[in-house]
Protein backbone atom coordinates (compact mmCIF):
# COMPACT_ATOMS: atom_id res chain seq x y z
CA MET A 1 -123.32 61.12 -16.05
CA PRO A 2 -122.25 60.80 -12.37
CA ARG A 3 -120.11 63.47 -10.76
CA MET A 4 -116.38 62.86 -10.81
CA PHE A 5 -116.07 64.31 -7.31
CA GLY A 6 -117.49 62.19 -4.51
CA THR A 7 -118.01 63.09 -0.86
CA ASP A 8 -114.26 63.42 -0.37
CA GLY A 9 -112.69 64.43 -3.67
CA VAL A 10 -111.85 62.25 -6.66
CA ARG A 11 -111.03 58.66 -5.74
CA GLY A 12 -110.28 55.46 -7.62
CA LEU A 13 -107.73 52.80 -8.42
CA ALA A 14 -104.38 54.53 -8.88
CA ASN A 15 -103.21 54.19 -12.49
CA GLY A 16 -106.61 52.72 -13.28
CA LEU A 17 -109.32 55.36 -12.97
CA LEU A 18 -106.94 57.83 -11.33
CA THR A 19 -104.16 58.30 -13.87
CA SER A 20 -101.28 60.75 -14.03
CA ARG A 21 -103.09 62.42 -16.95
CA LEU A 22 -106.19 62.95 -14.82
CA ALA A 23 -104.06 64.35 -12.00
CA LEU A 24 -102.36 66.71 -14.45
CA ASP A 25 -105.74 67.85 -15.79
CA LEU A 26 -107.14 68.32 -12.27
CA GLY A 27 -104.18 70.52 -11.36
CA ASP A 28 -104.66 72.52 -14.55
CA ALA A 29 -108.41 72.92 -13.94
CA ALA A 30 -108.04 73.74 -10.24
CA VAL A 31 -105.73 76.71 -10.83
CA ARG A 32 -108.17 78.09 -13.41
CA VAL A 33 -111.11 77.93 -10.99
CA LEU A 34 -109.47 78.60 -7.63
CA GLY A 35 -106.92 80.98 -9.12
CA ALA A 36 -109.76 83.15 -10.39
CA ASP A 37 -111.23 83.16 -6.87
CA GLY A 38 -107.98 84.53 -5.45
CA ALA A 39 -107.23 87.10 -8.11
CA GLY A 40 -108.52 89.99 -6.00
CA GLU A 41 -107.75 91.19 -2.50
CA HIS A 42 -105.75 88.15 -1.35
CA ALA A 43 -103.36 87.96 -4.29
CA GLN A 44 -99.87 89.09 -3.27
CA GLY A 45 -97.23 88.57 -5.91
CA ARG A 46 -97.10 85.12 -7.44
CA ARG A 47 -99.93 82.80 -6.58
CA ARG A 48 -99.10 79.60 -4.74
CA ALA A 49 -100.52 76.16 -3.98
CA LEU A 50 -99.60 73.58 -1.35
CA VAL A 51 -99.58 69.85 -2.10
CA GLY A 52 -99.30 67.00 0.41
CA ARG A 53 -99.84 63.24 0.26
CA ASP A 54 -100.08 60.08 2.31
CA THR A 55 -97.61 57.19 2.13
CA ARG A 56 -99.02 55.24 -0.86
CA VAL A 57 -96.44 54.50 -3.53
CA SER A 58 -98.77 55.95 -6.16
CA GLY A 59 -98.60 59.30 -4.38
CA ASP A 60 -95.20 59.91 -5.95
CA PHE A 61 -96.36 59.99 -9.57
CA LEU A 62 -99.73 61.56 -8.76
CA SER A 63 -98.22 64.44 -6.78
CA ALA A 64 -95.69 65.04 -9.58
CA ALA A 65 -98.50 65.17 -12.16
CA LEU A 66 -100.79 67.33 -10.03
CA SER A 67 -97.98 69.77 -9.27
CA ALA A 68 -97.06 69.88 -12.95
CA GLY A 69 -100.60 70.83 -13.88
CA MET A 70 -100.67 73.58 -11.28
CA SER A 71 -97.26 75.01 -12.16
CA ALA A 72 -98.05 74.92 -15.88
CA GLY A 73 -101.09 77.00 -15.00
CA GLY A 74 -98.92 79.67 -13.44
CA PHE A 75 -98.91 78.67 -9.77
CA ASP A 76 -95.79 78.19 -7.66
CA VAL A 77 -96.25 74.85 -5.88
CA ILE A 78 -94.93 73.96 -2.44
CA ASP A 79 -94.64 70.16 -2.23
CA ALA A 80 -94.90 69.37 1.50
CA GLY A 81 -94.35 65.65 0.92
CA ILE A 82 -95.95 63.17 3.31
CA ILE A 83 -98.22 65.02 5.72
CA PRO A 84 -101.70 64.35 7.17
CA THR A 85 -104.70 65.75 5.33
CA PRO A 86 -105.54 68.10 8.24
CA GLY A 87 -101.95 69.34 8.08
CA VAL A 88 -102.53 70.57 4.54
CA ALA A 89 -105.82 72.13 5.66
CA TYR A 90 -104.08 73.95 8.54
CA LEU A 91 -101.17 75.17 6.41
CA SER A 92 -103.62 76.35 3.74
CA SER A 93 -105.15 78.56 6.43
CA VAL A 94 -101.91 80.14 7.70
CA LEU A 95 -99.68 80.34 4.62
CA ASN A 96 -100.17 82.69 1.71
CA VAL A 97 -101.52 80.07 -0.68
CA GLU A 98 -104.59 80.13 -2.88
CA MET A 99 -105.28 76.45 -2.39
CA GLY A 100 -104.14 73.18 -0.88
CA ALA A 101 -104.37 69.72 -2.39
CA VAL A 102 -104.06 66.28 -0.80
CA ILE A 103 -103.32 63.02 -2.56
CA SER A 104 -104.81 60.30 -0.40
CA ALA A 105 -107.53 57.65 -0.26
CA SER A 106 -107.79 57.90 3.53
CA HIS A 107 -108.73 54.51 5.04
CA ASN A 108 -109.03 52.74 1.66
CA PRO A 109 -106.63 49.94 0.66
CA MET A 110 -103.20 50.82 -0.75
CA PRO A 111 -104.01 50.37 -4.48
CA ASP A 112 -106.58 53.20 -4.31
CA ASN A 113 -105.76 56.87 -4.19
CA GLY A 114 -107.54 60.20 -4.41
CA ILE A 115 -107.20 63.94 -4.91
CA LYS A 116 -109.06 66.57 -2.90
CA PHE A 117 -108.68 70.31 -2.72
CA PHE A 118 -108.83 72.94 0.00
CA ALA A 119 -109.63 76.57 -0.69
CA ARG A 120 -107.71 79.47 0.87
CA GLY A 121 -108.46 79.31 4.59
CA GLY A 122 -108.25 75.50 4.74
CA PHE A 123 -111.85 74.57 3.94
CA LYS A 124 -112.91 71.73 1.66
CA LEU A 125 -114.56 72.86 -1.54
CA PRO A 126 -118.35 73.03 -1.80
CA ASP A 127 -120.04 70.88 -4.44
CA ALA A 128 -120.56 73.87 -6.72
CA LYS A 129 -116.85 74.69 -6.81
CA GLU A 130 -115.93 71.06 -7.54
CA ASP A 131 -118.46 71.13 -10.38
CA GLU A 132 -116.70 74.19 -11.82
CA ILE A 133 -113.38 72.32 -11.79
CA GLU A 134 -114.95 69.32 -13.47
CA ALA A 135 -116.58 71.55 -16.10
CA VAL A 136 -113.25 72.95 -17.34
CA LEU A 137 -111.33 69.69 -16.99
CA GLY A 138 -109.24 68.99 -20.09
CA GLN A 139 -110.27 72.18 -21.88
CA ASP A 140 -107.75 74.25 -23.77
CA TRP A 141 -107.05 77.75 -22.51
CA GLU A 142 -104.39 80.39 -22.89
CA ARG A 143 -101.78 79.03 -20.52
CA PRO A 144 -98.94 81.24 -19.26
CA THR A 145 -95.53 81.06 -20.90
CA GLY A 146 -92.05 82.30 -20.07
CA ALA A 147 -91.85 83.88 -16.63
CA GLY A 148 -95.56 83.24 -16.18
CA VAL A 149 -95.16 79.52 -15.47
CA GLY A 150 -94.77 78.37 -11.88
CA ARG A 151 -91.98 76.72 -9.94
CA ILE A 152 -92.16 73.57 -7.80
CA SER A 153 -90.30 73.56 -4.49
CA HIS A 154 -90.00 70.81 -1.87
CA ASP A 155 -90.12 71.63 1.84
CA THR A 156 -91.26 68.71 3.98
CA VAL A 157 -89.44 69.66 7.19
CA THR A 158 -90.77 73.20 7.54
CA ALA A 159 -94.34 72.19 6.74
CA THR A 160 -94.31 69.26 9.17
CA ASN A 161 -92.77 71.29 11.99
CA LEU A 162 -95.24 74.14 11.57
CA TYR A 163 -98.09 71.66 11.81
CA ILE A 164 -96.67 69.84 14.85
CA ASP A 165 -96.10 73.19 16.62
CA HIS A 166 -99.75 74.03 16.02
CA LEU A 167 -100.99 70.66 17.29
CA VAL A 168 -99.02 70.75 20.52
CA SER A 169 -100.05 74.35 21.19
CA THR A 170 -103.72 73.35 21.26
CA ILE A 171 -103.28 71.70 24.68
CA ALA A 172 -99.89 73.16 25.67
CA PRO A 173 -99.73 76.83 24.65
CA LEU A 174 -96.37 78.48 25.22
CA GLY A 175 -96.10 80.52 28.40
CA PRO A 176 -94.61 84.02 28.74
CA ASP A 177 -91.18 82.43 29.14
CA LYS A 178 -91.69 80.51 25.86
CA ALA A 179 -91.33 77.21 27.71
CA GLN A 180 -93.41 74.30 26.35
CA PRO A 181 -95.74 72.79 29.00
CA THR A 182 -96.15 69.00 29.12
CA PRO A 183 -99.75 68.39 30.20
CA LEU A 184 -99.63 64.69 29.27
CA GLN A 185 -96.65 63.97 31.55
CA GLY A 186 -96.94 60.48 33.01
CA LEU A 187 -99.62 59.30 30.56
CA LYS A 188 -98.56 56.07 28.84
CA ILE A 189 -100.39 55.41 25.59
CA VAL A 190 -100.10 53.29 22.45
CA ALA A 191 -100.38 55.03 19.07
CA ASP A 192 -101.21 53.04 15.91
CA CYS A 193 -100.23 55.21 12.92
CA ALA A 194 -101.57 52.83 10.22
CA ASN A 195 -98.21 53.16 8.39
CA GLY A 196 -99.74 56.34 7.08
CA ALA A 197 -99.28 60.08 6.92
CA THR A 198 -99.08 60.69 10.67
CA SER A 199 -96.29 58.17 11.31
CA VAL A 200 -93.97 61.07 12.21
CA VAL A 201 -96.46 63.73 13.29
CA ALA A 202 -98.57 61.93 15.92
CA PRO A 203 -95.74 60.32 17.93
CA GLU A 204 -93.79 63.59 17.95
CA ALA A 205 -96.78 65.72 18.96
CA LEU A 206 -97.82 63.34 21.74
CA ARG A 207 -94.29 63.11 23.09
CA ARG A 208 -93.77 66.86 23.00
CA ALA A 209 -96.97 67.18 25.03
CA GLY A 210 -95.36 64.90 27.64
CA ALA A 211 -96.87 61.48 26.91
CA ASP A 212 -94.92 58.23 27.08
CA VAL A 213 -95.77 56.76 23.68
CA ILE A 214 -95.51 53.20 22.43
CA VAL A 215 -95.64 53.54 18.64
CA ILE A 216 -96.80 50.78 16.29
CA ASN A 217 -97.29 50.67 12.51
CA ALA A 218 -95.20 53.76 11.85
CA SER A 219 -92.82 52.30 9.25
CA PRO A 220 -94.47 53.08 5.92
CA ASP A 221 -92.91 51.51 2.82
CA GLY A 222 -95.43 52.70 0.23
CA TYR A 223 -97.36 49.43 0.28
CA ASN A 224 -98.42 48.80 3.88
CA ILE A 225 -100.70 51.78 4.55
CA ASN A 226 -103.84 50.63 6.47
CA LYS A 227 -102.75 46.99 6.06
CA ASN A 228 -103.97 45.19 9.19
CA ALA A 229 -103.35 48.43 11.03
CA GLY A 230 -104.93 51.69 12.14
CA SER A 231 -108.53 52.61 12.81
CA THR A 232 -109.96 50.02 10.38
CA HIS A 233 -107.92 47.15 11.89
CA PRO A 234 -107.45 47.91 15.61
CA GLU A 235 -106.80 44.33 16.73
CA GLN A 236 -103.04 44.79 17.18
CA LEU A 237 -103.56 48.02 19.09
CA GLN A 238 -106.06 46.36 21.39
CA ALA A 239 -103.68 43.48 22.11
CA ILE A 240 -100.72 45.75 22.85
CA VAL A 241 -102.73 47.99 25.16
CA ARG A 242 -103.89 44.92 27.09
CA ALA A 243 -100.38 43.46 27.23
CA SER A 244 -98.70 46.68 28.38
CA ASP A 245 -99.33 49.03 31.26
CA ALA A 246 -100.62 51.71 28.88
CA VAL A 247 -103.76 53.49 30.04
CA MET A 248 -105.21 53.82 26.54
CA GLY A 249 -104.50 53.62 22.83
CA VAL A 250 -105.31 55.72 19.77
CA ALA A 251 -105.66 54.57 16.16
CA PHE A 252 -105.47 56.71 13.04
CA ASP A 253 -106.37 56.08 9.41
CA GLY A 254 -104.05 56.51 6.44
CA ASP A 255 -104.36 60.28 6.10
CA ALA A 256 -104.97 60.86 9.84
CA ASP A 257 -108.19 62.83 9.59
CA ARG A 258 -109.88 60.38 11.95
CA CYS A 259 -109.07 58.81 15.30
CA LEU A 260 -110.58 55.99 17.32
CA ALA A 261 -109.46 54.96 20.81
CA VAL A 262 -109.00 51.90 23.01
CA ASP A 263 -109.40 51.85 26.79
CA GLU A 264 -107.10 50.06 29.23
CA ASP A 265 -109.01 46.79 28.74
CA GLY A 266 -108.61 46.93 24.96
CA THR A 267 -112.25 47.88 24.44
CA MET A 268 -112.92 50.16 21.47
CA VAL A 269 -114.10 53.70 22.12
CA ASN A 270 -115.79 54.92 18.95
CA GLY A 271 -116.22 58.36 17.46
CA ASP A 272 -119.60 58.91 19.13
CA GLN A 273 -118.14 58.32 22.58
CA ILE A 274 -115.10 60.47 21.81
CA MET A 275 -117.38 63.30 20.66
CA GLY A 276 -119.45 62.95 23.81
CA ILE A 277 -116.37 63.17 26.03
CA LEU A 278 -115.05 66.22 24.19
CA ALA A 279 -118.45 67.95 24.01
CA ARG A 280 -118.92 67.64 27.77
CA ALA A 281 -115.40 68.96 28.36
CA LYS A 282 -116.01 71.94 26.08
CA LYS A 283 -119.32 72.69 27.81
CA ARG A 284 -117.55 72.61 31.19
CA ASP A 285 -114.97 75.08 29.87
CA GLY A 286 -117.60 77.33 28.31
CA LYS A 287 -116.33 76.59 24.79
CA LEU A 288 -119.17 74.49 23.35
CA ALA A 289 -120.95 77.02 21.16
CA HIS A 290 -124.71 77.04 21.75
CA ASP A 291 -124.20 73.93 23.94
CA THR A 292 -124.59 71.93 20.73
CA LEU A 293 -122.78 69.01 19.07
CA VAL A 294 -123.23 68.38 15.34
CA VAL A 295 -123.53 64.68 14.42
CA THR A 296 -124.65 62.63 11.42
CA VAL A 297 -127.62 60.33 10.94
CA MET A 298 -125.32 57.39 11.75
CA SER A 299 -124.51 58.56 15.27
CA ASN A 300 -125.93 56.24 17.92
CA LEU A 301 -129.09 57.32 19.71
CA GLY A 302 -127.33 56.50 22.97
CA LEU A 303 -125.01 59.47 22.43
CA LYS A 304 -127.92 61.86 21.89
CA LEU A 305 -129.80 60.61 24.96
CA ALA A 306 -126.71 60.89 27.18
CA LEU A 307 -125.94 64.40 25.93
CA ARG A 308 -129.55 65.50 26.42
CA ASP A 309 -129.26 64.61 30.10
CA MET A 310 -126.11 66.76 30.26
CA GLY A 311 -127.84 69.78 28.77
CA ILE A 312 -126.22 69.38 25.34
CA THR A 313 -128.27 69.53 22.14
CA THR A 314 -127.46 67.55 19.00
CA VAL A 315 -127.97 68.72 15.42
CA GLN A 316 -128.03 66.01 12.74
CA THR A 317 -126.67 66.05 9.16
CA ASN A 318 -126.17 63.61 6.31
CA VAL A 319 -123.15 61.31 6.42
CA GLY A 320 -119.88 63.03 5.49
CA ASP A 321 -117.62 65.34 7.45
CA ARG A 322 -118.09 68.06 4.81
CA TYR A 323 -121.80 68.18 5.65
CA VAL A 324 -120.98 68.30 9.35
CA LEU A 325 -118.70 71.28 8.73
CA GLU A 326 -121.29 73.05 6.57
CA GLU A 327 -123.81 72.80 9.42
CA MET A 328 -121.20 73.95 11.95
CA LEU A 329 -120.45 77.04 9.89
CA ARG A 330 -124.13 77.73 9.24
CA GLY A 331 -125.09 77.51 12.90
CA GLY A 332 -121.90 78.82 14.46
CA TYR A 333 -121.17 75.53 16.25
CA SER A 334 -117.73 74.61 17.58
CA LEU A 335 -117.69 70.79 17.65
CA GLY A 336 -119.01 68.08 15.38
CA GLY A 337 -118.12 64.80 13.75
CA GLU A 338 -118.93 61.23 12.82
CA GLN A 339 -119.10 57.86 14.51
CA SER A 340 -116.16 56.79 12.32
CA GLY A 341 -113.80 59.09 14.22
CA HIS A 342 -113.87 62.27 12.14
CA VAL A 343 -114.02 65.01 14.78
CA ILE A 344 -113.99 68.67 13.75
CA ASN A 345 -112.87 71.04 16.50
CA ARG A 346 -113.45 74.49 15.03
CA GLU A 347 -111.48 76.13 17.81
CA PHE A 348 -108.33 74.76 16.19
CA ALA A 349 -109.14 73.18 12.81
CA THR A 350 -111.18 73.46 9.63
CA THR A 351 -111.52 69.72 9.08
CA GLY A 352 -111.36 66.43 10.95
CA ASP A 353 -107.94 65.98 12.57
CA GLY A 354 -107.06 62.62 14.12
CA THR A 355 -103.91 63.77 15.89
CA LEU A 356 -105.70 66.80 17.35
CA THR A 357 -108.49 64.50 18.54
CA ALA A 358 -105.95 62.19 20.20
CA LEU A 359 -104.24 65.10 21.96
CA THR A 360 -107.48 66.62 23.26
CA LEU A 361 -108.84 63.22 24.34
CA CYS A 362 -105.64 62.38 26.23
CA ASN A 363 -105.71 65.83 27.80
CA GLU A 364 -109.25 65.28 29.05
CA VAL A 365 -108.23 61.96 30.63
CA VAL A 366 -105.53 63.81 32.56
CA ARG A 367 -107.68 66.83 33.45
CA SER A 368 -110.68 64.79 34.58
CA GLY A 369 -108.64 62.38 36.68
CA ARG A 370 -110.76 59.56 35.23
CA SER A 371 -109.77 56.68 32.98
CA LEU A 372 -110.90 56.57 29.35
CA LYS A 373 -113.02 53.55 30.27
CA GLU A 374 -114.86 55.59 32.91
CA LEU A 375 -115.34 58.56 30.60
CA ALA A 376 -116.66 56.41 27.74
CA ALA A 377 -119.08 54.61 30.06
CA ASP A 378 -121.02 57.86 30.40
CA PHE A 379 -121.97 57.53 26.73
CA PRO A 380 -123.39 53.99 26.37
CA GLN A 381 -124.25 52.86 22.86
CA LEU A 382 -127.66 51.36 22.14
CA PRO A 383 -127.55 47.92 20.48
CA GLN A 384 -127.57 48.31 16.71
CA GLN A 385 -128.20 46.16 13.65
CA LEU A 386 -127.49 47.02 10.02
CA ILE A 387 -128.64 45.08 6.94
CA ASN A 388 -127.71 45.96 3.34
CA VAL A 389 -130.61 45.18 1.01
CA PRO A 390 -129.26 44.77 -2.58
CA ASN A 391 -130.92 44.93 -5.99
CA VAL A 392 -133.53 47.51 -5.04
CA ASP A 393 -134.63 50.92 -6.31
CA LYS A 394 -132.76 52.97 -3.74
CA ASN A 395 -134.32 56.23 -4.93
CA ALA A 396 -137.77 55.00 -3.91
CA ALA A 397 -136.75 54.30 -0.32
CA VAL A 398 -138.06 57.66 0.85
CA THR A 399 -141.17 57.79 -1.37
CA ASN A 400 -142.64 54.27 -1.37
CA ALA A 401 -145.82 54.40 0.71
CA GLU A 402 -145.60 50.86 2.08
CA VAL A 403 -141.97 51.32 3.12
CA ARG A 404 -142.82 54.61 4.85
CA ARG A 405 -145.70 52.96 6.72
CA ALA A 406 -143.37 50.20 7.89
CA VAL A 407 -140.83 52.76 9.08
CA ASP A 408 -143.49 54.73 10.96
CA ARG A 409 -144.86 51.54 12.52
CA GLU A 410 -141.48 50.36 13.81
CA THR A 411 -140.55 53.85 14.99
CA ALA A 412 -143.74 54.08 17.04
CA LEU A 413 -143.07 50.70 18.63
CA LEU A 414 -139.54 51.75 19.66
CA GLY A 415 -140.53 55.12 21.06
CA GLU A 416 -137.67 57.06 22.67
CA THR A 417 -135.69 53.88 23.33
CA GLY A 418 -134.72 53.29 19.71
CA ARG A 419 -134.86 54.44 16.11
CA VAL A 420 -134.74 53.19 12.53
CA LEU A 421 -132.93 54.57 9.50
CA LEU A 422 -133.08 53.83 5.78
CA ARG A 423 -130.04 55.11 3.92
CA PRO A 424 -129.67 54.64 0.14
CA SER A 425 -126.12 53.78 -0.94
CA GLY A 426 -124.33 56.52 -2.79
CA THR A 427 -122.69 54.14 -5.27
CA GLU A 428 -124.63 50.85 -5.39
CA PRO A 429 -128.27 49.76 -6.00
CA LEU A 430 -128.85 48.96 -2.34
CA VAL A 431 -130.47 50.41 0.75
CA ARG A 432 -128.92 50.23 4.21
CA VAL A 433 -131.48 49.42 6.88
CA MET A 434 -130.42 50.24 10.44
CA ALA A 435 -132.21 49.79 13.74
CA GLU A 436 -131.23 50.75 17.30
CA ALA A 437 -133.16 49.53 20.30
CA ALA A 438 -132.97 48.88 24.03
CA THR A 439 -131.87 45.28 23.42
CA GLN A 440 -129.92 43.57 20.65
CA LYS A 441 -132.80 41.12 20.10
CA GLN A 442 -135.23 43.97 19.51
CA ALA A 443 -132.80 45.75 17.15
CA ASP A 444 -132.30 42.53 15.17
CA GLU A 445 -136.03 41.86 14.86
CA VAL A 446 -136.90 45.41 13.80
CA CYS A 447 -134.10 45.50 11.24
CA GLU A 448 -135.09 42.15 9.77
CA ARG A 449 -138.75 43.14 9.42
CA LEU A 450 -137.87 46.42 7.72
CA ALA A 451 -135.32 44.80 5.43
CA GLU A 452 -137.97 42.30 4.30
CA VAL A 453 -140.38 45.12 3.42
CA VAL A 454 -137.68 47.04 1.53
CA ALA A 455 -136.64 43.93 -0.42
CA GLN A 456 -140.23 43.17 -1.36
CA GLU A 457 -141.47 46.68 -2.18
CA LEU A 458 -138.40 48.07 -3.94
CA ALA A 459 -137.17 45.02 -5.84
CA ILE A 460 -135.82 45.68 -9.35
């Protein structure tokens, strides 16, 4: 039986797979598992949990059910309302709470939703802890009664303001006179909030840092999250940046844990290029631990080659920001992320934070005196091709001898100017074949040859 928890919590069609009953049971199970973790030295009085959500209409009933399960299990619940996922992670690290929970399906379409948990300290749960929650899901236990049950309180304003204060302070720390600096003064940017959780947070944080912000897609109605907007649909952002005198644009996803950018010409600047810009800046400031950036297998080889010439090493993980963070913690690294725009800056955050990424990227544009276009050009992306090969035995992709020979053959032909990658899908019977090369023609040809071998050798 497959795990209920995926790479980013429990996700599914709201009121389909993800019902109010399941949310209630997850809240009940989470307090049993995570409450037991916090029963020792950290416990001070009543135990508490923090719950936040994105702007999906289904978040209303799911947050009510999740909070009910937690409070019935004896936890006082602070409902922070609509707030970015990294906001819940941050608040879980600074408030006296045993856990945080977010109701969101990130960049997915509006009908979907999801539930993910953060442990005390603001870190996503490891697989083993999620398995513990799933193991006790729906089981009877001796629940508290009387004064032992929890309360549910609602405090959106305080939670949001605490988070915004933190974000702004990352590039504009208060001086001795308590005055707030404005390092982005004079920088005109466009911010696409995807009608999602950062529709209030990102514009306010950028403006408080001094930027002149043109805001689009920041009028959530419960139904329009990610709809032709945000990091998955940047066309409107690109057009507005080109039509205005803005120097750049930033695009968030529904829960604002990722950020992509647009230069003054409307050209996309992806997560690899953003990570390269920020890694170089941290190295210059002496804040890039071990002069190393953590990336995933999907990061473009062009990023790694450019960083190598700058004296920066890359460490590679599987796809998923949780695996990036695990490697960062294991190796003591300070910066990592994904091509999709998840960037984890451990100096200030425990998870990917789109608004933090936007602030630090804008700050580097100002500090460097160079345009985003110029900065991104230092991290050219090798031409890439990706083919999904369906109806194959994905588990044999790494063991089939003929497939491995084909991979080795193409890798040898590409040398240091390219690479190939076979990545089994996590949910479907298909294998993703990717090739990067010095030219698009070469990438296309290599990818097609490998895809043909995979289709032939692994057919089911």
